[in-house]
Amino acid sequence: MLNIAIVGATGQVGEHLLTVLEERDFEIGELYVFASSNSVGESISFAGKSYVVQALEGFDFSKVQVAFFNASKAITEQYASLAAESGALVIDSTGAFRYDPLVPMVIAGVNDERIAMSSQKHIITNPSPDALMLMPVLKAMVPKAPVNDITFTAMHSVSGSGKSGVDELAKQTAQLLNARELEKRCYTEQIAFNVLPIVGDLEANGYTNAEIALMLETKIIMNNPGLSIAPSFVRVPVFHGNSASVVLNTEAAISSAEFSALIDELEGFELVNVENELATPVSDSVGTDTVFISRVKETLGDHTGISFWMTADNLRYGSTVNAVKIAELYQESFQ
């Protein structure tokens, strides 16, 4: 059994992490939960027991073997290295170490071998929800039709902005339906009954930091610095679940039937190929650990390739499930 610390235990990702750990029967010795000062002293229930939320300051990380960091980047940058230096394996879901070449970026089942790199800094970074959806597909295609370039148009739910995003969509919807004055706090523009063509902060080149992160993650995880990807992220008025329209241009021709066969064999993926049936967050992916794919079709024009629609729960599949799988792989080394 491993002793576990969860930093950011009361946030959306932390809550889902606890749920996934319990559902997967992860064997835990001692559990320590941490959150902001506003939550210190609260109780969290896990596997039939109650745990008191602690303050992070002064905690001795030598007490744990794995520390999940789901809080802000600032907190992670301040405490993750301390945890790693104390002997704990840090699994970071905040992106704080995304640009550190000595910190492996791991998707369980895609590049497990990179976990061994964690011995250098004792930190592993968990990729973004978009990368977690897309990379298994790209890897599965390598033997059949390697991908040359990607167009990835993502539709991000408001839960990606935390509880404030969820609250804002709910509140604005009620305000508009009741003809009340609209309040904007989380987003600069109205999100209810609207779409916002931006997720993250704009950089000088016109892309957002979230879009640039996916470009980087794709090249790192696929170990292909020359792979071209054009991402566009859109915030949509959906509470939970991320989706994307994807176009893959390939070196060799691949039919929709051949691509569908690859998806059928891919663990954690499900193809919705019934006529007139579509995969959506609400009807399919939210609350599951599965990526759903529909609307598979061959690209038109001079380029060979495939296009499709995909959707997944951004808080479960898109974050916590992979973090737990990494911990499970690490746990095997203790047995």
Protein backbone atom coordinates (compact mmCIF):
# COMPACT_ATOMS: atom_id res chain seq x y z
CA MET A 1 0.00 0.00 0.00
CA LEU A 2 1.09 3.54 -0.72
CA ASN A 3 0.62 6.59 1.46
CA ILE A 4 -1.01 9.31 -0.63
CA ALA A 5 -1.24 13.11 -0.48
CA ILE A 6 -3.80 15.02 -2.53
CA VAL A 7 -3.16 18.75 -2.91
CA GLY A 8 -6.31 20.54 -4.04
CA ALA A 9 -8.61 17.84 -2.67
CA THR A 10 -11.75 20.00 -2.49
CA GLY A 11 -11.64 21.32 -6.05
CA GLN A 12 -13.38 19.70 -9.02
CA VAL A 13 -10.35 17.66 -10.07
CA GLY A 14 -9.55 16.67 -6.48
CA GLU A 15 -13.10 15.47 -5.88
CA HIS A 16 -13.05 13.39 -9.06
CA LEU A 17 -9.62 12.02 -8.16
CA LEU A 18 -10.95 10.70 -4.85
CA THR A 19 -13.89 9.13 -6.66
CA VAL A 20 -11.69 7.42 -9.24
CA LEU A 21 -9.25 6.14 -6.58
CA GLU A 22 -12.16 4.58 -4.71
CA GLU A 23 -13.81 3.13 -7.82
CA ARG A 24 -10.54 1.52 -8.94
CA ASP A 25 -9.90 0.07 -5.45
CA PHE A 26 -6.54 1.77 -5.24
CA GLU A 27 -4.84 0.40 -2.13
CA ILE A 28 -3.99 3.31 0.14
CA GLY A 29 -2.20 3.18 3.47
CA GLU A 30 -2.46 6.71 4.87
CA LEU A 31 -4.34 9.47 3.06
CA TYR A 32 -3.58 13.16 3.56
CA VAL A 33 -5.80 15.80 1.96
CA PHE A 34 -4.94 19.47 1.47
CA ALA A 35 -6.77 22.52 0.19
CA SER A 36 -6.87 26.30 0.51
CA SER A 37 -7.27 28.01 3.87
CA ASN A 38 -11.02 28.36 3.19
CA SER A 39 -11.40 24.57 3.31
CA VAL A 40 -8.99 23.69 6.13
CA GLY A 41 -10.82 21.81 8.86
CA GLU A 42 -13.54 20.47 6.58
CA SER A 43 -14.09 16.72 6.37
CA ILE A 44 -13.79 14.61 3.24
CA SER A 45 -15.26 11.13 2.97
CA PHE A 46 -13.26 8.42 1.24
CA ALA A 47 -13.82 4.65 1.28
CA GLY A 48 -16.05 4.85 4.31
CA LYS A 49 -13.68 6.99 6.35
CA SER A 50 -13.56 10.69 7.13
CA TYR A 51 -10.43 12.79 6.56
CA VAL A 52 -9.81 16.32 7.78
CA VAL A 53 -8.53 18.82 5.21
CA GLN A 54 -5.13 20.13 6.32
CA ALA A 55 -3.03 23.18 5.53
CA LEU A 56 -0.12 22.42 3.23
CA GLU A 57 2.42 24.59 5.04
CA GLY A 58 4.86 22.55 7.08
CA PHE A 59 3.67 19.12 5.95
CA ASP A 60 6.38 16.43 5.94
CA PHE A 61 6.12 14.85 2.48
CA SER A 62 8.46 12.03 3.54
CA LYS A 63 5.29 10.47 5.01
CA VAL A 64 3.92 9.70 1.53
CA GLN A 65 5.04 7.82 -1.57
CA VAL A 66 2.76 9.62 -4.07
CA ALA A 67 1.56 13.23 -4.08
CA PHE A 68 -1.15 14.32 -6.52
CA PHE A 69 -1.06 18.07 -7.25
CA ASN A 70 -4.37 19.48 -8.50
CA ALA A 71 -4.22 22.99 -7.03
CA SER A 72 -3.01 26.15 -8.75
CA LYS A 73 0.25 26.33 -10.69
CA ALA A 74 1.60 28.73 -8.06
CA ILE A 75 1.01 26.24 -5.24
CA THR A 76 2.43 23.41 -7.34
CA GLU A 77 5.56 25.38 -8.20
CA GLN A 78 6.02 26.19 -4.52
CA TYR A 79 5.51 22.73 -3.03
CA ALA A 80 5.90 20.02 -5.69
CA SER A 81 9.70 20.11 -5.76
CA LEU A 82 9.73 19.98 -1.96
CA ALA A 83 7.54 16.88 -2.08
CA ALA A 84 9.75 15.27 -4.71
CA GLU A 85 12.91 16.03 -2.76
CA SER A 86 11.31 14.34 0.24
CA GLY A 87 10.94 11.11 -1.74
CA ALA A 88 7.36 11.32 -2.98
CA LEU A 89 6.51 10.78 -6.62
CA VAL A 90 4.70 13.94 -7.72
CA ILE A 91 1.93 13.54 -10.30
CA ASP A 92 1.19 17.06 -11.51
CA SER A 93 -2.09 17.86 -13.28
CA THR A 94 -1.62 21.64 -13.32
CA GLY A 95 0.85 21.96 -16.19
CA ALA A 96 3.44 23.60 -13.92
CA PHE A 97 6.20 21.32 -15.24
CA ARG A 98 4.97 20.99 -18.83
CA TYR A 99 8.02 22.77 -20.25
CA ASP A 100 10.65 21.03 -18.10
CA PRO A 101 12.62 18.60 -20.31
CA LEU A 102 13.59 16.54 -17.26
CA VAL A 103 9.95 15.91 -16.28
CA PRO A 104 8.29 13.13 -18.31
CA MET A 105 4.83 13.67 -19.74
CA VAL A 106 3.02 10.35 -19.51
CA ILE A 107 -0.19 8.88 -20.90
CA ALA A 108 -0.74 5.41 -19.48
CA GLY A 109 -0.83 2.88 -22.31
CA VAL A 110 0.80 5.27 -24.77
CA ASN A 111 4.30 5.99 -23.44
CA ASP A 112 4.57 4.10 -20.14
CA GLU A 113 8.31 3.73 -20.67
CA ARG A 114 8.79 7.41 -19.86
CA ILE A 115 7.79 6.81 -16.23
CA ALA A 116 11.39 5.63 -15.71
CA MET A 117 12.49 9.21 -16.47
CA SER A 118 10.81 10.35 -13.26
CA SER A 119 13.88 9.19 -11.34
CA GLN A 120 15.62 12.43 -12.38
CA LYS A 121 13.24 14.82 -10.64
CA HIS A 122 10.67 12.43 -9.17
CA ILE A 123 7.92 14.35 -10.95
CA ILE A 124 5.54 13.25 -13.74
CA THR A 125 3.30 15.69 -15.57
CA ASN A 126 -0.23 14.71 -16.57
CA PRO A 127 -1.08 16.07 -20.05
CA SER A 128 -4.09 18.24 -20.88
CA PRO A 129 -7.53 16.69 -21.48
CA ASP A 130 -7.15 17.32 -25.21
CA ALA A 131 -3.87 15.42 -25.42
CA LEU A 132 -5.32 12.56 -23.38
CA MET A 133 -8.17 12.24 -25.90
CA LEU A 134 -6.07 12.54 -29.04
CA MET A 135 -2.72 10.84 -28.42
CA PRO A 136 -3.96 7.22 -28.13
CA VAL A 137 -5.60 7.63 -31.55
CA LEU A 138 -2.40 9.00 -33.10
CA LYS A 139 -0.34 6.14 -31.66
CA ALA A 140 -2.82 3.54 -32.90
CA MET A 141 -2.52 4.96 -36.42
CA VAL A 142 1.29 4.81 -36.62
CA PRO A 143 1.53 1.23 -38.03
CA LYS A 144 -1.32 1.76 -40.54
CA ALA A 145 -1.25 5.41 -41.62
CA PRO A 146 1.10 7.74 -39.73
CA VAL A 147 -0.23 11.27 -39.30
CA ASN A 148 1.49 14.19 -41.02
CA ASP A 149 -0.61 17.06 -39.73
CA ILE A 150 -3.64 17.66 -37.53
CA THR A 151 -6.47 20.17 -37.38
CA PHE A 152 -7.97 20.05 -33.90
CA THR A 153 -10.98 22.21 -33.09
CA ALA A 154 -11.88 21.74 -29.44
CA MET A 155 -15.11 22.62 -27.65
CA HIS A 156 -14.32 23.10 -23.97
CA SER A 157 -16.98 22.96 -21.27
CA VAL A 158 -17.11 25.58 -18.54
CA SER A 159 -15.92 23.08 -15.91
CA GLY A 160 -12.47 23.61 -17.39
CA SER A 161 -12.57 27.02 -15.70
CA GLY A 162 -13.29 25.43 -12.32
CA LYS A 163 -16.35 25.89 -10.15
CA SER A 164 -16.49 29.57 -11.08
CA GLY A 165 -17.14 28.65 -14.71
CA VAL A 166 -19.91 26.20 -13.80
CA ASP A 167 -21.49 28.71 -11.45
CA GLU A 168 -21.37 31.46 -14.07
CA LEU A 169 -23.12 29.40 -16.74
CA ALA A 170 -25.84 28.33 -14.30
CA LYS A 171 -26.33 31.85 -12.97
CA GLN A 172 -26.37 33.57 -16.36
CA THR A 173 -28.84 31.02 -17.71
CA ALA A 174 -31.22 31.74 -14.84
CA GLN A 175 -30.73 35.51 -15.21
CA LEU A 176 -31.49 35.47 -18.94
CA LEU A 177 -34.51 33.19 -18.61
CA ASN A 178 -35.91 35.47 -15.91
CA ALA A 179 -35.13 38.73 -17.73
CA ARG A 180 -32.66 39.83 -15.06
CA GLU A 181 -29.47 41.82 -15.52
CA LEU A 182 -26.57 39.64 -16.64
CA GLU A 183 -23.48 39.33 -14.41
CA LYS A 184 -20.03 38.52 -15.86
CA ARG A 185 -17.21 37.48 -13.54
CA CYS A 186 -15.44 34.38 -14.81
CA TYR A 187 -15.61 35.25 -18.50
CA THR A 188 -15.29 38.65 -20.17
CA GLU A 189 -18.25 37.85 -22.47
CA GLN A 190 -21.60 36.20 -21.87
CA ILE A 191 -21.23 32.40 -21.82
CA ALA A 192 -24.89 31.37 -21.50
CA PHE A 193 -26.41 30.69 -24.96
CA ASN A 194 -23.11 31.79 -26.52
CA VAL A 195 -19.72 30.47 -27.66
CA LEU A 196 -16.41 32.13 -26.91
CA PRO A 197 -13.58 31.56 -29.43
CA ILE A 198 -10.88 31.56 -26.78
CA VAL A 199 -9.68 29.23 -24.04
CA GLY A 200 -6.66 30.42 -22.07
CA ASP A 201 -4.55 33.53 -22.40
CA LEU A 202 -3.58 34.98 -25.78
CA GLU A 203 0.09 34.90 -26.71
CA ALA A 204 1.92 37.18 -29.14
CA ASN A 205 1.47 34.75 -32.05
CA GLY A 206 -2.34 34.81 -31.73
CA TYR A 207 -2.66 31.36 -30.18
CA THR A 208 -3.62 30.90 -26.54
CA ASN A 209 -1.37 29.25 -24.00
CA ALA A 210 -3.79 26.29 -23.93
CA GLU A 211 -3.53 25.83 -27.70
CA ILE A 212 0.26 26.12 -27.58
CA ALA A 213 0.33 23.54 -24.78
CA LEU A 214 -1.43 21.01 -27.02
CA MET A 215 1.06 21.69 -29.83
CA LEU A 216 3.93 21.01 -27.44
CA GLU A 217 2.32 17.98 -25.82
CA THR A 218 1.62 16.37 -29.20
CA LYS A 219 5.24 16.66 -30.29
CA ILE A 220 6.57 15.40 -26.93
CA ILE A 221 4.25 12.44 -26.46
CA MET A 222 4.51 11.28 -30.07
CA ASN A 223 8.27 11.94 -30.02
CA ASN A 224 7.87 13.76 -33.33
CA PRO A 225 9.13 17.38 -33.27
CA GLY A 226 8.08 17.89 -36.90
CA LEU A 227 4.45 16.90 -36.44
CA SER A 228 2.20 19.80 -37.43
CA ILE A 229 -0.95 20.63 -35.47
CA ALA A 230 -3.36 23.55 -35.88
CA PRO A 231 -5.48 23.84 -32.72
CA SER A 232 -8.45 26.14 -32.13
CA PHE A 233 -10.14 26.10 -28.72
CA VAL A 234 -13.69 27.31 -28.15
CA ARG A 235 -15.55 27.69 -24.82
CA VAL A 236 -19.10 26.39 -25.16
CA PRO A 237 -22.11 26.63 -22.79
CA VAL A 238 -21.85 23.01 -21.62
CA PHE A 239 -21.29 22.24 -17.96
CA HIS A 240 -19.10 19.13 -18.26
CA GLY A 241 -17.34 17.24 -21.04
CA ASN A 242 -14.95 18.33 -23.78
CA SER A 243 -15.39 17.56 -27.47
CA ALA A 244 -13.37 18.08 -30.63
CA SER A 245 -13.69 17.97 -34.39
CA VAL A 246 -10.48 16.39 -35.69
CA VAL A 247 -8.94 16.14 -39.17
CA LEU A 248 -5.87 13.94 -39.63
CA ASN A 249 -3.87 14.09 -42.87
CA THR A 250 -1.97 10.83 -43.24
CA GLU A 251 1.03 9.47 -45.13
CA ALA A 252 -1.02 6.59 -46.51
CA ALA A 253 -4.68 6.35 -47.40
CA ILE A 254 -6.96 4.98 -44.69
CA SER A 255 -10.63 4.22 -45.15
CA SER A 256 -13.30 5.03 -42.61
CA ALA A 257 -13.81 1.30 -42.10
CA GLU A 258 -10.10 0.77 -41.40
CA PHE A 259 -10.03 3.69 -38.96
CA SER A 260 -13.16 2.42 -37.21
CA ALA A 261 -11.50 -0.98 -36.81
CA LEU A 262 -8.53 0.69 -35.10
CA ILE A 263 -10.87 2.49 -32.67
CA ASP A 264 -12.71 -0.75 -31.91
CA GLU A 265 -9.41 -2.24 -30.71
CA LEU A 266 -8.36 0.81 -28.68
CA GLU A 267 -8.79 0.46 -24.92
CA GLY A 268 -10.90 3.19 -23.36
CA PHE A 269 -12.48 4.22 -26.67
CA GLU A 270 -15.92 3.47 -28.06
CA LEU A 271 -17.12 4.01 -31.60
CA VAL A 272 -20.69 5.21 -32.05
CA ASN A 273 -21.42 4.06 -35.59
CA VAL A 274 -25.16 3.46 -35.52
CA GLU A 275 -26.91 5.41 -38.28
CA ASN A 276 -28.14 8.82 -37.10
CA GLU A 277 -26.67 8.32 -33.62
CA LEU A 278 -24.12 10.85 -32.41
CA ALA A 279 -21.70 10.89 -29.49
CA THR A 280 -22.28 13.84 -27.16
CA PRO A 281 -21.02 14.78 -23.68
CA VAL A 282 -24.47 14.72 -22.10
CA SER A 283 -25.66 11.43 -23.58
CA ASP A 284 -22.39 9.52 -23.56
CA SER A 285 -19.14 10.69 -22.05
CA VAL A 286 -19.86 12.59 -18.83
CA GLY A 287 -19.37 10.38 -15.80
CA THR A 288 -17.47 7.72 -17.75
CA ASP A 289 -13.84 6.81 -18.38
CA THR A 290 -14.39 6.39 -22.11
CA VAL A 291 -13.69 8.51 -25.17
CA PHE A 292 -16.58 8.32 -27.64
CA ILE A 293 -16.01 8.78 -31.37
CA SER A 294 -18.60 9.33 -34.10
CA ARG A 295 -18.99 10.94 -37.55
CA VAL A 296 -15.98 9.11 -38.97
CA LYS A 297 -15.39 10.01 -42.62
CA GLU A 298 -12.60 10.08 -45.16
CA THR A 299 -11.24 13.51 -46.06
CA LEU A 300 -12.10 15.00 -49.43
CA GLY A 301 -9.69 16.59 -51.89
CA ASP A 302 -6.08 15.81 -52.70
CA HIS A 303 -4.95 14.81 -49.20
CA THR A 304 -5.38 11.35 -47.75
CA GLY A 305 -6.79 11.30 -44.26
CA ILE A 306 -9.67 10.88 -41.89
CA SER A 307 -11.91 13.19 -39.89
CA PHE A 308 -14.06 12.45 -36.85
CA TRP A 309 -15.79 13.80 -33.76
CA MET A 310 -14.69 12.85 -30.25
CA THR A 311 -15.93 13.59 -26.75
CA ALA A 312 -14.82 12.73 -23.21
CA ASP A 313 -15.36 13.75 -19.61
CA ASN A 314 -12.66 16.40 -19.11
CA LEU A 315 -12.50 15.89 -15.34
CA ARG A 316 -12.49 12.09 -15.27
CA TYR A 317 -10.91 10.72 -18.46
CA GLY A 318 -9.33 14.07 -19.21
CA SER A 319 -7.41 14.34 -15.96
CA THR A 320 -7.92 12.06 -12.99
CA VAL A 321 -8.08 8.61 -14.61
CA ASN A 322 -4.66 9.00 -16.23
CA ALA A 323 -3.16 10.33 -12.98
CA VAL A 324 -4.46 7.28 -11.11
CA LYS A 325 -3.22 4.91 -13.82
CA ILE A 326 0.25 6.45 -13.49
CA ALA A 327 0.10 5.88 -9.73
CA GLU A 328 -1.00 2.27 -10.34
CA LEU A 329 2.00 1.67 -12.60
CA TYR A 330 4.24 3.20 -9.94
CA GLN A 331 2.56 1.08 -7.25
CA GLU A 332 3.56 -2.07 -9.09
CA SER A 333 7.19 -1.29 -8.33
CA PHE A 334 6.42 -1.53 -4.61
CA GLN A 335 4.96 -5.04 -4.89
